[in-house]
PDB file of N, CA and C in Angstrom:
ATOM      1  N   UNK A   1      89.326 105.853 113.534  1.00  0.00           N
ATOM      2  CA  UNK A   1      89.965 104.309 114.007  1.00  0.00           C
ATOM      3  C   UNK A   1      91.150 104.546 113.894  1.00  0.00           C
ATOM      4  N   UNK A   2      91.798 103.204 115.301  1.00  0.00           N
ATOM      5  CA  UNK A   2      93.292 103.667 115.071  1.00  0.00           C
ATOM      6  C   UNK A   2      93.673 101.908 114.332  1.00  0.00           C
ATOM      7  N   UNK A   3      94.855 102.211 113.671  1.00  0.00           N
ATOM      8  CA  UNK A   3      95.693 100.889 113.798  1.00  0.00           C
ATOM      9  C   UNK A   3      97.420 101.018 113.967  1.00  0.00           C
ATOM     10  N   UNK A   4      98.120 100.665 114.232  1.00  0.00           N
ATOM     11  CA  UNK A   4      99.071 101.014 113.892  1.00  0.00           C
ATOM     12  C   UNK A   4      99.913  99.562 113.897  1.00  0.00           C
ATOM     13  N   UNK A   5     101.523 100.002 113.402  1.00  0.00           N
ATOM     14  CA  UNK A   5     102.740  98.995 113.091  1.00  0.00           C
ATOM     15  C   UNK A   5     103.665  99.119 113.623  1.00  0.00           C
ATOM     16  N   UNK A   6     104.543  98.403 113.578  1.00  0.00           N
ATOM     17  CA  UNK A   6     105.450  98.000 114.747  1.00  0.00           C
ATOM     18  C   UNK A   6     107.439  98.069 113.943  1.00  0.00           C
ATOM     19  N   UNK A   7     108.286  98.421 113.991  1.00  0.00           N
ATOM     20  CA  UNK A   7     109.099  98.888 114.043  1.00  0.00           C
ATOM     21  C   UNK A   7     110.232  97.995 114.048  1.00  0.00           C
ATOM     22  N   UNK A   8     110.313  96.685 114.829  1.00  0.00           N
ATOM     23  CA  UNK A   8     110.878  95.968 115.961  1.00  0.00           C
ATOM     24  C   UNK A   8     112.515  95.615 115.604  1.00  0.00           C
ATOM     25  N   UNK A   9     112.900  96.088 114.187  1.00  0.00           N
ATOM     26  CA  UNK A   9     114.425  96.383 113.791  1.00  0.00           C
ATOM     27  C   UNK A   9     115.155  97.384 113.988  1.00  0.00           C
ATOM     28  N   UNK A  10     114.090  98.373 113.830  1.00  0.00           N
ATOM     29  CA  UNK A  10     114.327  99.919 114.126  1.00  0.00           C
ATOM     30  C   UNK A  10     115.237 100.123 112.489  1.00  0.00           C
ATOM     31  N   UNK A  11     114.844  99.948 111.473  1.00  0.00           N
ATOM     32  CA  UNK A  11     114.895 100.770 110.485  1.00  0.00           C
ATOM     33  C   UNK A  11     114.787 101.675 109.886  1.00  0.00           C
ATOM     34  N   UNK A  12     115.163 102.491 108.990  1.00  0.00           N
ATOM     35  CA  UNK A  12     114.639 103.805 108.952  1.00  0.00           C
ATOM     36  C   UNK A  12     114.022 103.186 108.182  1.00  0.00           C
ATOM     37  N   UNK A  13     112.975 104.309 108.765  1.00  0.00           N
ATOM     38  CA  UNK A  13     111.545 104.569 107.767  1.00  0.00           C
ATOM     39  C   UNK A  13     110.797 105.627 106.553  1.00  0.00           C
ATOM     40  N   UNK A  14     110.936 105.178 105.362  1.00  0.00           N
ATOM     41  CA  UNK A  14     110.976 106.495 103.906  1.00  0.00           C
ATOM     42  C   UNK A  14     109.302 107.405 103.792  1.00  0.00           C
ATOM     43  N   UNK A  15     108.622 106.084 104.100  1.00  0.00           N
ATOM     44  CA  UNK A  15     107.045 106.966 104.615  1.00  0.00           C
ATOM     45  C   UNK A  15     106.612 106.085 105.566  1.00  0.00           C
ATOM     46  N   UNK A  16     105.421 106.527 105.535  1.00  0.00           N
ATOM     47  CA  UNK A  16     104.182 105.701 106.680  1.00  0.00           C
ATOM     48  C   UNK A  16     103.348 106.060 106.114  1.00  0.00           C
ATOM     49  N   UNK A  17     101.776 106.064 106.073  1.00  0.00           N
ATOM     50  CA  UNK A  17     101.347 105.744 105.753  1.00  0.00           C
ATOM     51  C   UNK A  17      99.849 104.921 106.060  1.00  0.00           C
ATOM     52  N   UNK A  18      98.455 104.879 105.678  1.00  0.00           N
ATOM     53  CA  UNK A  18      97.939 103.637 105.693  1.00  0.00           C
ATOM     54  C   UNK A  18      97.313 103.186 104.121  1.00  0.00           C
ATOM     55  N   UNK A  19      96.516 101.960 103.984  1.00  0.00           N
ATOM     56  CA  UNK A  19      95.994 101.666 102.532  1.00  0.00           C
ATOM     57  C   UNK A  19      94.580 101.572 103.117  1.00  0.00           C
ATOM     58  N   UNK A  20      93.377 101.825 102.205  1.00  0.00           N
ATOM     59  CA  UNK A  20      92.505 101.284 102.629  1.00  0.00           C
ATOM     60  C   UNK A  20      91.459 100.749 101.561  1.00  0.00           C
ATOM     61  N   UNK A  21      90.556 100.192 101.815  1.00  0.00           N
ATOM     62  CA  UNK A  21      89.696  99.157 100.867  1.00  0.00           C
ATOM     63  C   UNK A  21      88.502  98.863 101.111  1.00  0.00           C
ATOM     64  N   UNK A  22      88.001  98.234 100.365  1.00  0.00           N
ATOM     65  CA  UNK A  22      86.953  97.082 100.908  1.00  0.00           C
ATOM     66  C   UNK A  22      86.724  96.233 101.608  1.00  0.00           C
ATOM     67  N   UNK A  23      87.907  95.585 101.335  1.00  0.00           N
ATOM     68  CA  UNK A  23      88.607  94.485 101.774  1.00  0.00           C
ATOM     69  C   UNK A  23      89.870  93.734 102.794  1.00  0.00           C
ATOM     70  N   UNK A  24      90.045  92.933 103.274  1.00  0.00           N
ATOM     71  CA  UNK A  24      91.000  92.947 104.237  1.00  0.00           C
ATOM     72  C   UNK A  24      92.673  92.663 103.569  1.00  0.00           C
ATOM     73  N   UNK A  25      92.495  92.251 102.293  1.00  0.00           N
ATOM     74  CA  UNK A  25      93.655  92.063 102.108  1.00  0.00           C
ATOM     75  C   UNK A  25      94.379  92.913 101.262  1.00  0.00           C
ATOM     76  N   UNK A  26      94.107  94.251 101.698  1.00  0.00           N
ATOM     77  CA  UNK A  26      94.771  95.352 100.470  1.00  0.00           C
ATOM     78  C   UNK A  26      96.392  95.466 101.460  1.00  0.00           C
ATOM     79  N   UNK A  27      96.452  96.672 100.438  1.00  0.00           N
ATOM     80  CA  UNK A  27      98.223  96.654 100.523  1.00  0.00           C
ATOM     81  C   UNK A  27      98.258  97.936  99.641  1.00  0.00           C
ATOM     82  N   UNK A  28      99.804  98.394  99.308  1.00  0.00           N
ATOM     83  CA  UNK A  28     100.246 100.023  98.642  1.00  0.00           C
ATOM     84  C   UNK A  28      99.814  99.445  97.476  1.00  0.00           C
ATOM     85  N   UNK A  29      99.995  98.061  96.366  1.00  0.00           N
ATOM     86  CA  UNK A  29      99.775  97.758  95.109  1.00  0.00           C
ATOM     87  C   UNK A  29      98.435  97.718  94.987  1.00  0.00           C
ATOM     88  N   UNK A  30      97.428  97.211  95.483  1.00  0.00           N
ATOM     89  CA  UNK A  30      96.077  97.099  95.350  1.00  0.00           C
ATOM     90  C   UNK A  30      95.018  97.519  95.607  1.00  0.00           C
ATOM     91  N   UNK A  31      95.357  98.972  97.140  1.00  0.00           N
ATOM     92  CA  UNK A  31      94.487  99.654  97.380  1.00  0.00           C
ATOM     93  C   UNK A  31      94.575 101.210  97.440  1.00  0.00           C
ATOM     94  N   UNK A  32      94.078 101.990  97.565  1.00  0.00           N
ATOM     95  CA  UNK A  32      94.273 103.776  97.765  1.00  0.00           C
ATOM     96  C   UNK A  32      95.146 103.882  99.215  1.00  0.00           C
ATOM     97  N   UNK A  33      96.155 104.501  98.715  1.00  0.00           N
ATOM     98  CA  UNK A  33      96.895 104.560  99.950  1.00  0.00           C
ATOM     99  C   UNK A  33      96.847 106.280 100.382  1.00  0.00           C
ATOM    100  N   UNK A  34      97.100 106.636 101.495  1.00  0.00           N
ATOM    101  CA  UNK A  34      97.318 108.215 102.391  1.00  0.00           C
ATOM    102  C   UNK A  34      98.612 108.179 102.888  1.00  0.00           C
ATOM    103  N   UNK A  35      99.683 109.077 102.532  1.00  0.00           N
ATOM    104  CA  UNK A  35     100.826 109.489 103.068  1.00  0.00           C
ATOM    105  C   UNK A  35     100.283 109.956 104.281  1.00  0.00           C
ATOM    106  N   UNK A  36     101.191 109.304 105.437  1.00  0.00           N
ATOM    107  CA  UNK A  36     100.797 110.254 107.235  1.00  0.00           C
ATOM    108  C   UNK A  36     101.493 111.550 106.910  1.00  0.00           C
ATOM    109  N   UNK A  37     100.842 111.907 107.889  1.00  0.00           N
ATOM    110  CA  UNK A  37     101.731 113.998 108.479  1.00  0.00           C
ATOM    111  C   UNK A  37     101.772 113.126 109.840  1.00  0.00           C
ATOM    112  N   UNK A  38     103.444 113.312 110.045  1.00  0.00           N
ATOM    113  CA  UNK A  38     103.976 112.928 110.994  1.00  0.00           C
ATOM    114  C   UNK A  38     104.130 113.719 111.985  1.00  0.00           C
ATOM    115  N   UNK A  39     103.639 113.724 113.297  1.00  0.00           N
ATOM    116  CA  UNK A  39     103.778 114.767 114.549  1.00  0.00           C
ATOM    117  C   UNK A  39     105.260 114.450 115.409  1.00  0.00           C
ATOM    118  N   UNK A  40     105.572 113.383 115.227  1.00  0.00           N
ATOM    119  CA  UNK A  40     107.088 112.772 115.911  1.00  0.00           C
ATOM    120  C   UNK A  40     106.908 111.366 115.023  1.00  0.00           C
ATOM    121  N   UNK A  41     108.526 110.545 115.585  1.00  0.00           N
ATOM    122  CA  UNK A  41     108.486 109.742 114.674  1.00  0.00           C
ATOM    123  C   UNK A  41     108.477 108.418 115.484  1.00  0.00           C
ATOM    124  N   UNK A  42     107.464 108.458 116.692  1.00  0.00           N
ATOM    125  CA  UNK A  42     106.378 107.062 116.897  1.00  0.00           C
ATOM    126  C   UNK A  42     105.277 107.365 116.835  1.00  0.00           C
ATOM    127  N   UNK A  43     104.522 108.798 116.010  1.00  0.00           N
ATOM    128  CA  UNK A  43     103.291 108.716 116.124  1.00  0.00           C
ATOM    129  C   UNK A  43     102.920 109.368 114.617  1.00  0.00           C
ATOM    130  N   UNK A  44     101.654 108.943 113.927  1.00  0.00           N
ATOM    131  CA  UNK A  44     101.451 109.821 112.810  1.00  0.00           C
ATOM    132  C   UNK A  44      99.882 109.869 112.753  1.00  0.00           C
ATOM    133  N   UNK A  45      99.210 110.168 111.881  1.00  0.00           N
ATOM    134  CA  UNK A  45      97.873 110.412 111.590  1.00  0.00           C
ATOM    135  C   UNK A  45      97.520 110.464 110.163  1.00  0.00           C
ATOM    136  N   UNK A  46      96.174 110.402 109.219  1.00  0.00           N
ATOM    137  CA  UNK A  46      96.133 110.155 108.383  1.00  0.00           C
ATOM    138  C   UNK A  46      94.423 110.558 108.504  1.00  0.00           C
ATOM    139  N   UNK A  47      94.174 111.475 107.401  1.00  0.00           N
ATOM    140  CA  UNK A  47      92.324 111.854 106.770  1.00  0.00           C
ATOM    141  C   UNK A  47      92.366 111.116 105.662  1.00  0.00           C
ATOM    142  N   UNK A  48      91.343 110.249 105.930  1.00  0.00           N
ATOM    143  CA  UNK A  48      90.857 109.768 105.020  1.00  0.00           C
ATOM    144  C   UNK A  48      89.409 109.816 104.294  1.00  0.00           C
ATOM    145  N   UNK A  49      89.156 110.563 103.293  1.00  0.00           N
ATOM    146  CA  UNK A  49      87.467 111.417 102.508  1.00  0.00           C
ATOM    147  C   UNK A  49      86.628 111.139 102.243  1.00  0.00           C
ATOM    148  N   UNK A  50      85.592 111.227 101.549  1.00  0.00           N
ATOM    149  CA  UNK A  50      84.764 110.660 100.664  1.00  0.00           C
ATOM    150  C   UNK A  50      84.281 109.026 100.453  1.00  0.00           C
ATOM    151  N   UNK A  51      84.297 109.138 102.190  1.00  0.00           N
ATOM    152  CA  UNK A  51      83.568 107.326 101.985  1.00  0.00           C
ATOM    153  C   UNK A  51      82.260 106.999 102.153  1.00  0.00           C
ATOM    154  N   UNK A  52      81.698 106.501 101.204  1.00  0.00           N
ATOM    155  CA  UNK A  52      79.950 106.303 102.051  1.00  0.00           C
ATOM    156  C   UNK A  52      79.338 105.930 103.007  1.00  0.00           C
ATOM    157  N   UNK A  53      78.924 106.866 103.355  1.00  0.00           N
ATOM    158  CA  UNK A  53      77.881 106.524 104.764  1.00  0.00           C
ATOM    159  C   UNK A  53      77.008 105.507 104.975  1.00  0.00           C
ATOM    160  N   UNK A  54      77.639 104.093 106.159  1.00  0.00           N
ATOM    161  CA  UNK A  54      76.697 102.800 105.973  1.00  0.00           C
ATOM    162  C   UNK A  54      77.545 102.101 105.726  1.00  0.00           C
ATOM    163  N   UNK A  55      78.634 102.311 104.623  1.00  0.00           N
ATOM    164  CA  UNK A  55      79.601 101.397 103.834  1.00  0.00           C
ATOM    165  C   UNK A  55      80.524 100.572 104.747  1.00  0.00           C
ATOM    166  N   UNK A  56      81.111  99.680 105.020  1.00  0.00           N
ATOM    167  CA  UNK A  56      82.053  98.619 105.743  1.00  0.00           C
ATOM    168  C   UNK A  56      83.046  99.182 104.745  1.00  0.00           C
ATOM    169  N   UNK A  57      84.479  99.464 105.645  1.00  0.00           N
ATOM    170  CA  UNK A  57      85.657  98.938 105.227  1.00  0.00           C
ATOM    171  C   UNK A  57      86.732  98.324 105.647  1.00  0.00           C
ATOM    172  N   UNK A  58      87.923  98.708 105.236  1.00  0.00           N
ATOM    173  CA  UNK A  58      89.263  97.391 105.724  1.00  0.00           C
ATOM    174  C   UNK A  58      90.716  98.817 105.912  1.00  0.00           C
ATOM    175  N   UNK A  59      90.868  98.826 107.029  1.00  0.00           N
ATOM    176  CA  UNK A  59      92.591  99.908 107.190  1.00  0.00           C
ATOM    177  C   UNK A  59      93.728  99.059 107.706  1.00  0.00           C
ATOM    178  N   UNK A  60      94.376  99.580 107.055  1.00  0.00           N
ATOM    179  CA  UNK A  60      96.167  99.122 107.400  1.00  0.00           C
ATOM    180  C   UNK A  60      96.946  99.760 107.415  1.00  0.00           C
ATOM    181  N   UNK A  61      98.164 100.585 108.526  1.00  0.00           N
ATOM    182  CA  UNK A  61      98.732 101.031 108.422  1.00  0.00           C
ATOM    183  C   UNK A  61      99.975 100.743 107.957  1.00  0.00           C
ATOM    184  N   UNK A  62     101.083 101.397 107.701  1.00  0.00           N
ATOM    185  CA  UNK A  62     102.124 100.649 106.916  1.00  0.00           C
ATOM    186  C   UNK A  62     103.623 101.576 107.202  1.00  0.00           C
ATOM    187  N   UNK A  63     104.777 100.648 107.140  1.00  0.00           N
ATOM    188  CA  UNK A  63     106.008 102.028 107.018  1.00  0.00           C
ATOM    189  C   UNK A  63     106.752 100.774 105.555  1.00  0.00           C
ATOM    190  N   UNK A  64     106.724 101.919 104.790  1.00  0.00           N
ATOM    191  CA  UNK A  64     107.969 101.850 103.821  1.00  0.00           C
ATOM    192  C   UNK A  64     109.217 102.251 104.369  1.00  0.00           C
ATOM    193  N   UNK A  65     110.321 101.355 104.859  1.00  0.00           N
ATOM    194  CA  UNK A  65     111.560 100.782 105.337  1.00  0.00           C
ATOM    195  C   UNK A  65     112.434 101.498 104.133  1.00  0.00           C
ATOM    196  N   UNK A  66     113.672 101.948 104.739  1.00  0.00           N
ATOM    197  CA  UNK A  66     114.907 101.826 103.567  1.00  0.00           C
ATOM    198  C   UNK A  66     114.722 100.476 102.856  1.00  0.00           C
ATOM    199  N   UNK A  67     115.473 100.573 102.346  1.00  0.00           N
ATOM    200  CA  UNK A  67     116.088  98.338 101.433  1.00  0.00           C
ATOM    201  C   UNK A  67     114.524  98.570 100.796  1.00  0.00           C
ATOM    202  N   UNK A  68     113.881  99.610 100.833  1.00  0.00           N
ATOM    203  CA  UNK A  68     112.112  98.932 100.119  1.00  0.00           C
ATOM    204  C   UNK A  68     111.431  97.963 100.531  1.00  0.00           C
ATOM    205  N   UNK A  69     111.452  97.209 102.048  1.00  0.00           N
ATOM    206  CA  UNK A  69     110.590  96.100 102.941  1.00  0.00           C
ATOM    207  C   UNK A  69     109.374  97.465 102.873  1.00  0.00           C
ATOM    208  N   UNK A  70     108.183  96.749 102.749  1.00  0.00           N
ATOM    209  CA  UNK A  70     107.264  97.056 103.159  1.00  0.00           C
ATOM    210  C   UNK A  70     106.575  96.344 104.990  1.00  0.00           C
ATOM    211  N   UNK A  71     106.289  97.086 105.403  1.00  0.00           N
ATOM    212  CA  UNK A  71     105.321  96.448 106.954  1.00  0.00           C
ATOM    213  C   UNK A  71     103.774  96.845 107.199  1.00  0.00           C
ATOM    214  N   UNK A  72     102.866  96.436 107.176  1.00  0.00           N
ATOM    215  CA  UNK A  72     101.915  96.289 107.341  1.00  0.00           C
ATOM    216  C   UNK A  72     101.495  96.273 108.807  1.00  0.00           C
ATOM    217  N   UNK A  73      99.953  96.666 109.223  1.00  0.00           N
ATOM    218  CA  UNK A  73      99.381  96.127 110.806  1.00  0.00           C
ATOM    219  C   UNK A  73      98.589  95.400 110.244  1.00  0.00           C
ATOM    220  N   UNK A  74      97.126  94.716 110.778  1.00  0.00           N
ATOM    221  CA  UNK A  74      96.543  93.798 110.284  1.00  0.00           C
ATOM    222  C   UNK A  74      95.496  94.729 109.967  1.00  0.00           C
ATOM    223  N   UNK A  75      94.716  94.338 109.208  1.00  0.00           N
ATOM    224  CA  UNK A  75      93.583  95.122 108.901  1.00  0.00           C
ATOM    225  C   UNK A  75      92.801  95.219 110.214  1.00  0.00           C
ATOM    226  N   UNK A  76      91.853  96.310 109.908  1.00  0.00           N
ATOM    227  CA  UNK A  76      91.132  96.820 110.905  1.00  0.00           C
ATOM    228  C   UNK A  76      89.624  97.121 110.231  1.00  0.00           C
ATOM    229  N   UNK A  77      88.670  96.956 110.284  1.00  0.00           N
ATOM    230  CA  UNK A  77      87.755  96.874 109.628  1.00  0.00           C
ATOM    231  C   UNK A  77      86.665  97.805 109.901  1.00  0.00           C
ATOM    232  N   UNK A  78      86.313  98.648 109.801  1.00  0.00           N
ATOM    233  CA  UNK A  78      85.380  99.468 110.244  1.00  0.00           C
ATOM    234  C   UNK A  78      84.212  99.881 109.739  1.00  0.00           C
ATOM    235  N   UNK A  79      82.979 100.475 109.467  1.00  0.00           N
ATOM    236  CA  UNK A  79      81.874 100.734 109.048  1.00  0.00           C
ATOM    237  C   UNK A  79      81.544 102.877 109.110  1.00  0.00           C
ATOM    238  N   UNK A  80      81.695 103.496 107.976  1.00  0.00           N
ATOM    239  CA  UNK A  80      80.850 104.978 108.280  1.00  0.00           C
ATOM    240  C   UNK A  80      79.657 104.942 108.872  1.00  0.00           C
ATOM    241  N   UNK A  81      79.905 106.544 109.598  1.00  0.00           N
ATOM    242  CA  UNK A  81      78.154 106.465 110.050  1.00  0.00           C
ATOM    243  C   UNK A  81      77.837 107.269 109.293  1.00  0.00           C
TER     244      UNK A  81
END
């Protein structure tokens, strides 16, 4: 699953990752989140494990910016094969 989030004001990033859950209203406070492994400042990846086959989930990319603001991508639905 691919999703992305933009940092249009180029504020420093403290953390990046993805949140995932069974509904689209997920965020860092109400869902499971995984910190990203960064390959360079513009690309990162996360591995989500232990999902049930045949079940539908949603995922959002997030950036925690210096100063505490968190920005999210749109929720991306997917079904585990």
